[in-house]
Protein backbone atom coordinates (compact mmCIF):
# COMPACT_ATOMS: atom_id res chain seq x y z
CA UNK A 1 13.44 8.65 -1.80
CA UNK A 2 10.04 10.98 -2.28
CA UNK A 3 12.38 14.04 -2.85
CA UNK A 4 9.79 15.67 -5.37
CA UNK A 5 6.88 15.54 -3.01
CA UNK A 6 6.31 18.20 -0.11
CA UNK A 7 7.94 17.49 3.25
CA UNK A 8 4.87 16.27 5.12
CA UNK A 9 3.80 13.97 2.18
CA UNK A 10 7.24 12.67 1.70
CA UNK A 11 6.96 11.73 5.59
CA UNK A 12 4.06 10.21 5.28
CA UNK A 13 5.22 7.81 2.18
CA UNK A 14 8.06 7.00 4.09
CA UNK A 15 6.04 5.98 7.24
CA UNK A 16 4.02 4.03 4.64
CA UNK A 17 7.02 2.37 2.85
CA UNK A 18 8.26 1.19 6.26
CA UNK A 19 5.02 -0.37 7.29
CA UNK A 20 4.78 -2.22 3.75
CA UNK A 21 8.21 -3.38 4.29
CA UNK A 22 7.44 -4.82 7.84
CA UNK A 23 3.87 -6.54 6.05
CA UNK A 24 6.32 -8.40 3.88
CA UNK A 25 8.19 -9.80 6.55
CA UNK A 26 5.28 -10.72 8.64
CA UNK A 27 3.66 -12.61 5.65
CA UNK A 28 6.81 -14.47 4.57
CA UNK A 29 6.98 -12.48 1.27
CA UNK A 30 10.02 -10.44 1.72
CA UNK A 31 12.31 -9.52 0.07
CA UNK A 32 10.17 -7.08 -1.97
CA UNK A 33 11.67 -5.50 -5.05
CA UNK A 34 11.66 -1.79 -4.97
CA UNK A 35 11.37 -0.25 -8.60
CA UNK A 36 9.40 2.49 -10.16
CA UNK A 37 6.05 2.12 -12.11
CA UNK A 38 4.16 5.09 -13.54
CA UNK A 39 6.76 7.29 -11.83
CA UNK A 40 5.78 6.14 -8.27
CA UNK A 41 7.88 3.82 -5.80
CA UNK A 42 6.21 0.00 -6.40
CA UNK A 43 7.10 -2.84 -4.32
CA UNK A 44 7.02 -6.45 -5.81
CA UNK A 45 6.67 -9.55 -3.62
CA UNK A 46 9.84 -11.82 -4.60
CA UNK A 47 7.73 -14.85 -4.54
CA UNK A 48 4.93 -13.72 -6.83
CA UNK A 49 2.69 -14.35 -3.98
CA UNK A 50 0.99 -11.16 -4.11
CA UNK A 51 0.09 -8.05 -6.33
CA UNK A 52 2.46 -5.00 -6.65
CA UNK A 53 1.98 -2.21 -4.29
CA UNK A 54 2.66 1.32 -5.43
CA UNK A 55 2.89 4.38 -3.55
CA UNK A 56 2.15 7.69 -4.71
CA UNK A 57 -0.30 10.92 -4.45
CA UNK A 58 -4.37 10.74 -5.11
CA UNK A 59 -5.80 14.56 -5.14
CA UNK A 60 -2.57 15.60 -3.19
CA UNK A 61 -2.70 13.13 -0.66
CA UNK A 62 -0.31 10.18 0.23
CA UNK A 63 -1.86 7.17 -1.31
CA UNK A 64 -1.20 3.09 -1.63
CA UNK A 65 -2.35 1.92 -5.37
CA UNK A 66 -3.00 -1.67 -5.64
CA UNK A 67 -3.80 -3.24 -9.15
CA UNK A 68 -7.44 -2.38 -10.30
CA UNK A 69 -8.29 -5.33 -11.33
CA UNK A 70 -8.10 -7.23 -7.53
CA UNK A 71 -11.06 -7.09 -5.32
CA UNK A 72 -8.43 -5.87 -2.80
CA UNK A 73 -10.12 -2.32 -2.28
CA UNK A 74 -13.57 -3.52 -1.73
CA UNK A 75 -12.25 -5.74 0.90
CA UNK A 76 -10.35 -2.96 2.63
CA UNK A 77 -13.53 -1.06 2.50
CA UNK A 78 -15.43 -3.81 4.01
CA UNK A 79 -12.95 -4.34 6.85
CA UNK A 80 -11.80 -0.60 7.50
CA UNK A 81 -14.78 1.40 6.17
CA UNK A 82 -13.87 4.55 8.66
CA UNK A 83 -10.02 4.12 8.78
CA UNK A 84 -9.09 5.38 5.35
CA UNK A 85 -10.43 7.14 2.40
CA UNK A 86 -10.73 4.97 -1.18
CA UNK A 87 -10.56 6.41 -4.51
CA UNK A 88 -12.31 3.75 -6.84
CA UNK A 89 -10.97 0.46 -7.07
CA UNK A 90 -7.20 1.34 -7.02
CA UNK A 91 -5.95 3.33 -3.96
CA UNK A 92 -6.07 4.08 -0.35
CA UNK A 93 -5.86 7.58 0.80
CA UNK A 94 -4.28 8.64 3.96
CA UNK A 95 -3.96 12.10 5.74
CA UNK A 96 -0.82 14.01 4.82
CA UNK A 97 -0.32 14.47 8.71
CA UNK A 98 -1.86 13.48 11.82
CA UNK A 99 -2.62 10.16 13.28
CA UNK A 100 -3.50 6.92 11.02
CA UNK A 101 -4.12 3.18 11.75
CA UNK A 102 -0.82 1.73 11.59
CA UNK A 103 -1.93 -1.84 12.08
CA UNK A 104 -4.76 -1.19 9.81
CA UNK A 105 -2.14 0.00 6.97
CA UNK A 106 0.24 -3.12 7.79
CA UNK A 107 -2.76 -5.44 7.40
CA UNK A 108 -4.13 -4.07 4.07
CA UNK A 109 -0.62 -4.20 2.71
CA UNK A 110 -0.28 -8.12 3.77
CA UNK A 111 -3.34 -8.65 2.08
CA UNK A 112 -1.64 -7.47 -1.19
CA UNK A 113 1.34 -8.88 -0.56
CA UNK A 114 -0.17 -12.25 0.13
CA UNK A 115 -3.13 -12.01 -2.37
CA UNK A 116 -2.20 -14.67 -4.92
CA UNK A 117 -1.67 -16.75 -2.32
CA UNK A 118 -5.05 -16.45 -0.63
CA UNK A 119 -6.49 -16.59 -3.92
CA UNK A 120 -5.03 -20.11 -4.63
CA UNK A 121 -6.07 -21.28 -0.95
């Protein structure tokens, strides 16, 4: 799935994918359409309740990308200032190996997958 990446990066991206799929189930936005956008694995909520998530790398580290015109990364920073590294208003960067907060990551994925639903409410 992430065959072009080094093994540690591919393993972390695979973990991130599993957490995104779990977040989709938890938010009722499953099933997700999995496709490629800009050469990155992309996840689109079937109900269009949320925004597309993409998995790739940023500066050689595994990253979750969201649409840069949303306020999601700012909200992530406010909720999880120390759990992740952020790149501008478009990416959450994780370490290639070692521990990370899976619960926080699943929550940020859920926020993106239900982004439009919450904006309408």
